[in-house]
Amino acid sequence: AMLISRYLLRDWVQRRFSRMMEKVNL
């Protein structure tokens, strides 16, 4: 599931969960 997100859904996840991604990256 992580690999699917990384290679197939990257753009969608980035748009949909941009605020959460900031917290996770930090």
PDB file of all heavy atoms in Angstrom:
ATOM      1  N   ALA A   1       0.835  -1.205   0.000  1.00  0.00           N
ATOM      2  CA  ALA A   1       0.000   0.000   0.000  1.00  0.00           C
ATOM      3  C   ALA A   1       0.870   1.255   0.000  1.00  0.00           C
ATOM      4  O   ALA A   1       0.549   2.246  -0.680  1.00  0.00           O
ATOM      5  CB  ALA A   1      -0.925  -0.003   1.216  1.00  0.00           C
ATOM      6  N   MET A   2       1.962   1.228   0.761  1.00  0.00           N
ATOM      7  CA  MET A   2       2.881   2.364   0.767  1.00  0.00           C
ATOM      8  C   MET A   2       3.512   2.570  -0.603  1.00  0.00           C
ATOM      9  O   MET A   2       3.646   3.703  -1.089  1.00  0.00           O
ATOM     10  CB  MET A   2       3.967   2.139   1.817  1.00  0.00           C
ATOM     11  CG  MET A   2       4.939   3.304   1.982  1.00  0.00           C
ATOM     12  SD  MET A   2       6.380   3.206   0.884  1.00  0.00           S
ATOM     13  CE  MET A   2       7.351   1.954   1.695  1.00  0.00           C
ATOM     14  N   LEU A   3       3.894   1.475  -1.266  1.00  0.00           N
ATOM     15  CA  LEU A   3       4.499   1.573  -2.597  1.00  0.00           C
ATOM     16  C   LEU A   3       3.490   2.066  -3.638  1.00  0.00           C
ATOM     17  O   LEU A   3       3.846   2.805  -4.553  1.00  0.00           O
ATOM     18  CB  LEU A   3       5.069   0.216  -3.003  1.00  0.00           C
ATOM     19  CG  LEU A   3       6.288  -0.251  -2.200  1.00  0.00           C
ATOM     20  CD1 LEU A   3       6.684  -1.675  -2.590  1.00  0.00           C
ATOM     21  CD2 LEU A   3       7.465   0.685  -2.410  1.00  0.00           C
ATOM     22  N   ILE A   4       2.231   1.643  -3.520  1.00  0.00           N
ATOM     23  CA  ILE A   4       1.193   2.138  -4.416  1.00  0.00           C
ATOM     24  C   ILE A   4       1.049   3.647  -4.268  1.00  0.00           C
ATOM     25  O   ILE A   4       0.931   4.381  -5.255  1.00  0.00           O
ATOM     26  CB  ILE A   4      -0.144   1.437  -4.139  1.00  0.00           C
ATOM     27  CG1 ILE A   4      -0.072  -0.042  -4.558  1.00  0.00           C
ATOM     28  CG2 ILE A   4      -1.282   2.130  -4.879  1.00  0.00           C
ATOM     29  CD1 ILE A   4      -1.309  -0.830  -4.203  1.00  0.00           C
ATOM     30  N   SER A   5       1.074   4.116  -3.026  1.00  0.00           N
ATOM     31  CA  SER A   5       1.004   5.547  -2.784  1.00  0.00           C
ATOM     32  C   SER A   5       2.217   6.268  -3.361  1.00  0.00           C
ATOM     33  O   SER A   5       2.081   7.340  -3.968  1.00  0.00           O
ATOM     34  CB  SER A   5       0.911   5.819  -1.278  1.00  0.00           C
ATOM     35  OG  SER A   5       0.983   7.200  -1.002  1.00  0.00           O
ATOM     36  N   ARG A   6       3.377   5.671  -3.210  1.00  0.00           N
ATOM     37  CA  ARG A   6       4.617   6.325  -3.644  1.00  0.00           C
ATOM     38  C   ARG A   6       4.720   6.417  -5.158  1.00  0.00           C
ATOM     39  O   ARG A   6       5.140   7.451  -5.700  1.00  0.00           O
ATOM     40  CB  ARG A   6       5.822   5.563  -3.074  1.00  0.00           C
ATOM     41  CG  ARG A   6       7.182   6.071  -3.567  1.00  0.00           C
ATOM     42  CD  ARG A   6       8.311   5.419  -2.783  1.00  0.00           C
ATOM     43  NE  ARG A   6       8.273   5.820  -1.385  1.00  0.00           N
ATOM     44  CZ  ARG A   6       9.135   5.389  -0.473  1.00  0.00           C
ATOM     45  NH1 ARG A   6      10.098   4.525  -0.815  1.00  0.00           N
ATOM     46  NH2 ARG A   6       9.051   5.802   0.783  1.00  0.00           N
ATOM     47  N   TYR A   7       4.339   5.356  -5.866  1.00  0.00           N
ATOM     48  CA  TYR A   7       4.581   5.303  -7.304  1.00  0.00           C
ATOM     49  C   TYR A   7       3.342   5.533  -8.168  1.00  0.00           C
ATOM     50  O   TYR A   7       3.463   5.835  -9.359  1.00  0.00           O
ATOM     51  CB  TYR A   7       5.212   3.965  -7.685  1.00  0.00           C
ATOM     52  CG  TYR A   7       6.594   3.793  -7.091  1.00  0.00           C
ATOM     53  CD1 TYR A   7       6.815   2.878  -6.065  1.00  0.00           C
ATOM     54  CD2 TYR A   7       7.666   4.548  -7.554  1.00  0.00           C
ATOM     55  CE1 TYR A   7       8.083   2.720  -5.517  1.00  0.00           C
ATOM     56  CE2 TYR A   7       8.930   4.397  -7.014  1.00  0.00           C
ATOM     57  CZ  TYR A   7       9.136   3.481  -5.995  1.00  0.00           C
ATOM     58  OH  TYR A   7      10.383   3.337  -5.446  1.00  0.00           O
ATOM     59  N   LEU A   8       2.157   5.375  -7.591  1.00  0.00           N
ATOM     60  CA  LEU A   8       0.938   5.502  -8.391  1.00  0.00           C
ATOM     61  C   LEU A   8       0.017   6.627  -7.943  1.00  0.00           C
ATOM     62  O   LEU A   8      -0.705   7.200  -8.758  1.00  0.00           O
ATOM     63  CB  LEU A   8       0.157   4.185  -8.376  1.00  0.00           C
ATOM     64  CG  LEU A   8       0.891   2.961  -8.923  1.00  0.00           C
ATOM     65  CD1 LEU A   8       0.025   1.722  -8.762  1.00  0.00           C
ATOM     66  CD2 LEU A   8       1.264   3.160 -10.379  1.00  0.00           C
ATOM     67  N   LEU A   9      -0.001   6.931  -6.648  1.00  0.00           N
ATOM     68  CA  LEU A   9      -0.960   7.903  -6.121  1.00  0.00           C
ATOM     69  C   LEU A   9      -0.301   9.137  -5.529  1.00  0.00           C
ATOM     70  O   LEU A   9      -0.941   9.883  -4.785  1.00  0.00           O
ATOM     71  CB  LEU A   9      -1.831   7.233  -5.037  1.00  0.00           C
ATOM     72  CG  LEU A   9      -2.612   5.990  -5.448  1.00  0.00           C
ATOM     73  CD1 LEU A   9      -3.363   5.415  -4.258  1.00  0.00           C
ATOM     74  CD2 LEU A   9      -3.575   6.309  -6.575  1.00  0.00           C
ATOM     75  N   ARG A  10       0.962   9.360  -5.837  1.00  0.00           N
ATOM     76  CA  ARG A  10       1.714  10.438  -5.193  1.00  0.00           C
ATOM     77  C   ARG A  10       1.020  11.797  -5.340  1.00  0.00           C
ATOM     78  O   ARG A  10       0.833  12.522  -4.355  1.00  0.00           O
ATOM     79  CB  ARG A  10       3.126  10.509  -5.775  1.00  0.00           C
ATOM     80  CG  ARG A  10       3.954  11.683  -5.278  1.00  0.00           C
ATOM     81  CD  ARG A  10       5.359  11.632  -5.827  1.00  0.00           C
ATOM     82  NE  ARG A  10       6.113  10.534  -5.244  1.00  0.00           N
ATOM     83  CZ  ARG A  10       6.788  10.639  -4.096  1.00  0.00           C
ATOM     84  NH1 ARG A  10       6.788  11.778  -3.435  1.00  0.00           N
ATOM     85  NH2 ARG A  10       7.461   9.612  -3.635  1.00  0.00           N
ATOM     86  N   ASP A  11       0.651  12.159  -6.547  1.00  0.00           N
ATOM     87  CA  ASP A  11       0.047  13.479  -6.778  1.00  0.00           C
ATOM     88  C   ASP A  11      -1.279  13.621  -6.046  1.00  0.00           C
ATOM     89  O   ASP A  11      -1.566  14.663  -5.442  1.00  0.00           O
ATOM     90  CB  ASP A  11      -0.157  13.717  -8.279  1.00  0.00           C
ATOM     91  CG  ASP A  11       1.162  13.798  -9.031  1.00  0.00           C
ATOM     92  OD1 ASP A  11       2.191  14.096  -8.386  1.00  0.00           O
ATOM     93  OD2 ASP A  11       1.175  13.547 -10.252  1.00  0.00           O
ATOM     94  N   TRP A  12      -2.103  12.574  -6.078  1.00  0.00           N
ATOM     95  CA  TRP A  12      -3.407  12.627  -5.412  1.00  0.00           C
ATOM     96  C   TRP A  12      -3.248  12.747  -3.900  1.00  0.00           C
ATOM     97  O   TRP A  12      -3.928  13.547  -3.250  1.00  0.00           O
ATOM     98  CB  TRP A  12      -4.218  11.388  -5.765  1.00  0.00           C
ATOM     99  CG  TRP A  12      -5.554  11.354  -5.080  1.00  0.00           C
ATOM    100  CD1 TRP A  12      -6.687  12.005  -5.447  1.00  0.00           C
ATOM    101  CD2 TRP A  12      -5.875  10.625  -3.873  1.00  0.00           C
ATOM    102  NE1 TRP A  12      -7.708  11.733  -4.557  1.00  0.00           N
ATOM    103  CE2 TRP A  12      -7.245  10.895  -3.585  1.00  0.00           C
ATOM    104  CE3 TRP A  12      -5.150   9.782  -3.031  1.00  0.00           C
ATOM    105  CZ2 TRP A  12      -7.879  10.351  -2.479  1.00  0.00           C
ATOM    106  CZ3 TRP A  12      -5.788   9.241  -1.924  1.00  0.00           C
ATOM    107  CH2 TRP A  12      -7.149   9.523  -1.664  1.00  0.00           C
ATOM    108  N   VAL A  13      -2.353  11.945  -3.328  1.00  0.00           N
ATOM    109  CA  VAL A  13      -2.131  11.996  -1.875  1.00  0.00           C
ATOM    110  C   VAL A  13      -1.602  13.363  -1.470  1.00  0.00           C
ATOM    111  O   VAL A  13      -2.018  13.930  -0.450  1.00  0.00           O
ATOM    112  CB  VAL A  13      -1.152  10.883  -1.438  1.00  0.00           C
ATOM    113  CG1 VAL A  13      -0.789  11.028   0.036  1.00  0.00           C
ATOM    114  CG2 VAL A  13      -1.764   9.507  -1.695  1.00  0.00           C
ATOM    115  N   GLN A  14      -0.695  13.901  -2.259  1.00  0.00           N
ATOM    116  CA  GLN A  14      -0.123  15.210  -1.946  1.00  0.00           C
ATOM    117  C   GLN A  14      -1.191  16.294  -1.941  1.00  0.00           C
ATOM    118  O   GLN A  14      -1.205  17.172  -1.066  1.00  0.00           O
ATOM    119  CB  GLN A  14       0.971  15.558  -2.962  1.00  0.00           C
ATOM    120  CG  GLN A  14       1.715  16.849  -2.654  1.00  0.00           C
ATOM    121  CD  GLN A  14       2.488  16.768  -1.360  1.00  0.00           C
ATOM    122  OE1 GLN A  14       3.343  15.913  -1.183  1.00  0.00           O
ATOM    123  NE2 GLN A  14       2.187  17.671  -0.433  1.00  0.00           N
ATOM    124  N   ARG A  15      -2.117  16.241  -2.908  1.00  0.00           N
ATOM    125  CA  ARG A  15      -3.187  17.241  -2.966  1.00  0.00           C
ATOM    126  C   ARG A  15      -4.208  17.031  -1.852  1.00  0.00           C
ATOM    127  O   ARG A  15      -4.653  17.995  -1.223  1.00  0.00           O
ATOM    128  CB  ARG A  15      -3.898  17.182  -4.321  1.00  0.00           C
ATOM    129  CG  ARG A  15      -3.070  17.671  -5.505  1.00  0.00           C
ATOM    130  CD  ARG A  15      -3.963  17.888  -6.720  1.00  0.00           C
ATOM    131  NE  ARG A  15      -4.720  16.690  -7.053  1.00  0.00           N
ATOM    132  CZ  ARG A  15      -4.305  15.764  -7.904  1.00  0.00           C
ATOM    133  NH1 ARG A  15      -3.133  15.889  -8.509  1.00  0.00           N
ATOM    134  NH2 ARG A  15      -5.054  14.708  -8.165  1.00  0.00           N
ATOM    135  N   ARG A  16      -4.565  15.776  -1.619  1.00  0.00           N
ATOM    136  CA  ARG A  16      -5.642  15.468  -0.674  1.00  0.00           C
ATOM    137  C   ARG A  16      -5.214  15.642   0.777  1.00  0.00           C
ATOM    138  O   ARG A  16      -6.013  16.069   1.627  1.00  0.00           O
ATOM    139  CB  ARG A  16      -6.116  14.024  -0.916  1.00  0.00           C
ATOM    140  CG  ARG A  16      -7.232  13.560  -0.014  1.00  0.00           C
ATOM    141  CD  ARG A  16      -8.514  14.334  -0.297  1.00  0.00           C
ATOM    142  NE  ARG A  16      -9.613  13.833   0.492  1.00  0.00           N
ATOM    143  CZ  ARG A  16      -9.825  14.144   1.774  1.00  0.00           C
ATOM    144  NH1 ARG A  16      -9.035  14.988   2.389  1.00  0.00           N
ATOM    145  NH2 ARG A  16     -10.853  13.646   2.433  1.00  0.00           N
ATOM    146  N   PHE A  17      -3.979  15.333   1.101  1.00  0.00           N
ATOM    147  CA  PHE A  17      -3.535  15.351   2.493  1.00  0.00           C
ATOM    148  C   PHE A  17      -2.315  16.251   2.680  1.00  0.00           C
ATOM    149  O   PHE A  17      -1.384  15.901   3.395  1.00  0.00           O
ATOM    150  CB  PHE A  17      -3.195  13.925   2.952  1.00  0.00           C
ATOM    151  CG  PHE A  17      -4.307  12.934   2.765  1.00  0.00           C
ATOM    152  CD1 PHE A  17      -4.262  12.003   1.734  1.00  0.00           C
ATOM    153  CD2 PHE A  17      -5.409  12.938   3.605  1.00  0.00           C
ATOM    154  CE1 PHE A  17      -5.289  11.080   1.557  1.00  0.00           C
ATOM    155  CE2 PHE A  17      -6.440  12.020   3.435  1.00  0.00           C
ATOM    156  CZ  PHE A  17      -6.385  11.094   2.404  1.00  0.00           C
ATOM    157  N   SER A  18      -2.319  17.400   2.042  1.00  0.00           N
ATOM    158  CA  SER A  18      -1.144  18.278   2.070  1.00  0.00           C
ATOM    159  C   SER A  18      -0.797  18.732   3.485  1.00  0.00           C
ATOM    160  O   SER A  18       0.380  18.763   3.871  1.00  0.00           O
ATOM    161  CB  SER A  18      -1.374  19.493   1.166  1.00  0.00           C
ATOM    162  OG  SER A  18      -2.538  20.207   1.567  1.00  0.00           O
ATOM    163  N   ARG A  19      -1.800  19.076   4.282  1.00  0.00           N
ATOM    164  CA  ARG A  19      -1.526  19.536   5.649  1.00  0.00           C
ATOM    165  C   ARG A  19      -0.972  18.414   6.510  1.00  0.00           C
ATOM    166  O   ARG A  19      -0.034  18.618   7.295  1.00  0.00           O
ATOM    167  CB  ARG A  19      -2.795  20.101   6.277  1.00  0.00           C
ATOM    168  CG  ARG A  19      -3.288  21.392   5.614  1.00  0.00           C
ATOM    169  CD  ARG A  19      -4.491  21.952   6.347  1.00  0.00           C
ATOM    170  NE  ARG A  19      -4.948  23.197   5.726  1.00  0.00           N
ATOM    171  CZ  ARG A  19      -5.994  23.908   6.176  1.00  0.00           C
ATOM    172  NH1 ARG A  19      -6.668  23.480   7.246  1.00  0.00           N
ATOM    173  NH2 ARG A  19      -6.339  25.017   5.563  1.00  0.00           N
ATOM    174  N   MET A  20      -1.549  17.238   6.395  1.00  0.00           N
ATOM    175  CA  MET A  20      -1.037  16.103   7.159  1.00  0.00           C
ATOM    176  C   MET A  20       0.372  15.751   6.730  1.00  0.00           C
ATOM    177  O   MET A  20       1.212  15.349   7.551  1.00  0.00           O
ATOM    178  CB  MET A  20      -1.970  14.892   6.996  1.00  0.00           C
ATOM    179  CG  MET A  20      -3.343  15.080   7.593  1.00  0.00           C
ATOM    180  SD  MET A  20      -4.366  13.589   7.419  1.00  0.00           S
ATOM    181  CE  MET A  20      -5.895  14.161   8.147  1.00  0.00           C
ATOM    182  N   MET A  21       0.652  15.880   5.428  1.00  0.00           N
ATOM    183  CA  MET A  21       1.988  15.550   4.932  1.00  0.00           C
ATOM    184  C   MET A  21       3.038  16.469   5.533  1.00  0.00           C
ATOM    185  O   MET A  21       4.169  16.045   5.789  1.00  0.00           O
ATOM    186  CB  MET A  21       2.031  15.654   3.402  1.00  0.00           C
ATOM    187  CG  MET A  21       1.575  14.410   2.664  1.00  0.00           C
ATOM    188  SD  MET A  21       2.431  12.891   3.186  1.00  0.00           S
ATOM    189  CE  MET A  21       4.145  13.362   3.095  1.00  0.00           C
ATOM    190  N   GLU A  22       2.693  17.703   5.787  1.00  0.00           N
ATOM    191  CA  GLU A  22       3.635  18.621   6.416  1.00  0.00           C
ATOM    192  C   GLU A  22       4.020  18.114   7.805  1.00  0.00           C
ATOM    193  O   GLU A  22       5.203  18.138   8.182  1.00  0.00           O
ATOM    194  CB  GLU A  22       3.025  20.018   6.507  1.00  0.00           C
ATOM    195  CG  GLU A  22       2.806  20.690   5.156  1.00  0.00           C
ATOM    196  CD  GLU A  22       2.156  22.055   5.300  1.00  0.00           C
ATOM    197  OE1 GLU A  22       1.927  22.476   6.453  1.00  0.00           O
ATOM    198  OE2 GLU A  22       1.881  22.693   4.269  1.00  0.00           O
ATOM    199  N   LYS A  23       3.038  17.638   8.558  1.00  0.00           N
ATOM    200  CA  LYS A  23       3.311  17.118   9.894  1.00  0.00           C
ATOM    201  C   LYS A  23       4.145  15.837   9.824  1.00  0.00           C
ATOM    202  O   LYS A  23       5.074  15.638  10.607  1.00  0.00           O
ATOM    203  CB  LYS A  23       2.000  16.843  10.629  1.00  0.00           C
ATOM    204  CG  LYS A  23       1.149  18.081  10.863  1.00  0.00           C
ATOM    205  CD  LYS A  23      -0.140  17.723  11.579  1.00  0.00           C
ATOM    206  CE  LYS A  23      -1.002  18.959  11.798  1.00  0.00           C
ATOM    207  NZ  LYS A  23      -2.289  18.630  12.483  1.00  0.00           N
ATOM    208  N   VAL A  24       3.797  14.958   8.874  1.00  0.00           N
ATOM    209  CA  VAL A  24       4.526  13.694   8.752  1.00  0.00           C
ATOM    210  C   VAL A  24       5.967  13.942   8.324  1.00  0.00           C
ATOM    211  O   VAL A  24       6.899  13.352   8.881  1.00  0.00           O
ATOM    212  CB  VAL A  24       3.814  12.766   7.745  1.00  0.00           C
ATOM    213  CG1 VAL A  24       4.691  11.559   7.415  1.00  0.00           C
ATOM    214  CG2 VAL A  24       2.471  12.310   8.315  1.00  0.00           C
ATOM    215  N   ASN A  25       6.159  14.814   7.353  1.00  0.00           N
ATOM    216  CA  ASN A  25       7.524  15.114   6.911  1.00  0.00           C
ATOM    217  C   ASN A  25       8.357  15.708   8.044  1.00  0.00           C
ATOM    218  O   ASN A  25       9.531  15.365   8.215  1.00  0.00           O
ATOM    219  CB  ASN A  25       7.499  16.084   5.726  1.00  0.00           C
ATOM    220  CG  ASN A  25       7.072  15.411   4.438  1.00  0.00           C
ATOM    221  OD1 ASN A  25       7.361  14.240   4.220  1.00  0.00           O
ATOM    222  ND2 ASN A  25       6.379  16.144   3.585  1.00  0.00           N
ATOM    223  N   LEU A  26       7.739  16.573   8.825  1.00  0.00           N
ATOM    224  CA  LEU A  26       8.438  17.160   9.967  1.00  0.00           C
ATOM    225  C   LEU A  26       8.786  16.090  10.993  1.00  0.00           C
ATOM    226  O   LEU A  26       9.891  16.075  11.551  1.00  0.00           O
ATOM    227  CB  LEU A  26       7.572  18.254  10.604  1.00  0.00           C
ATOM    228  CG  LEU A  26       8.170  18.975  11.815  1.00  0.00           C
ATOM    229  CD1 LEU A  26       9.462  19.688  11.416  1.00  0.00           C
ATOM    230  CD2 LEU A  26       7.165  19.960  12.406  1.00  0.00           C
TER     231      LEU A  26
END
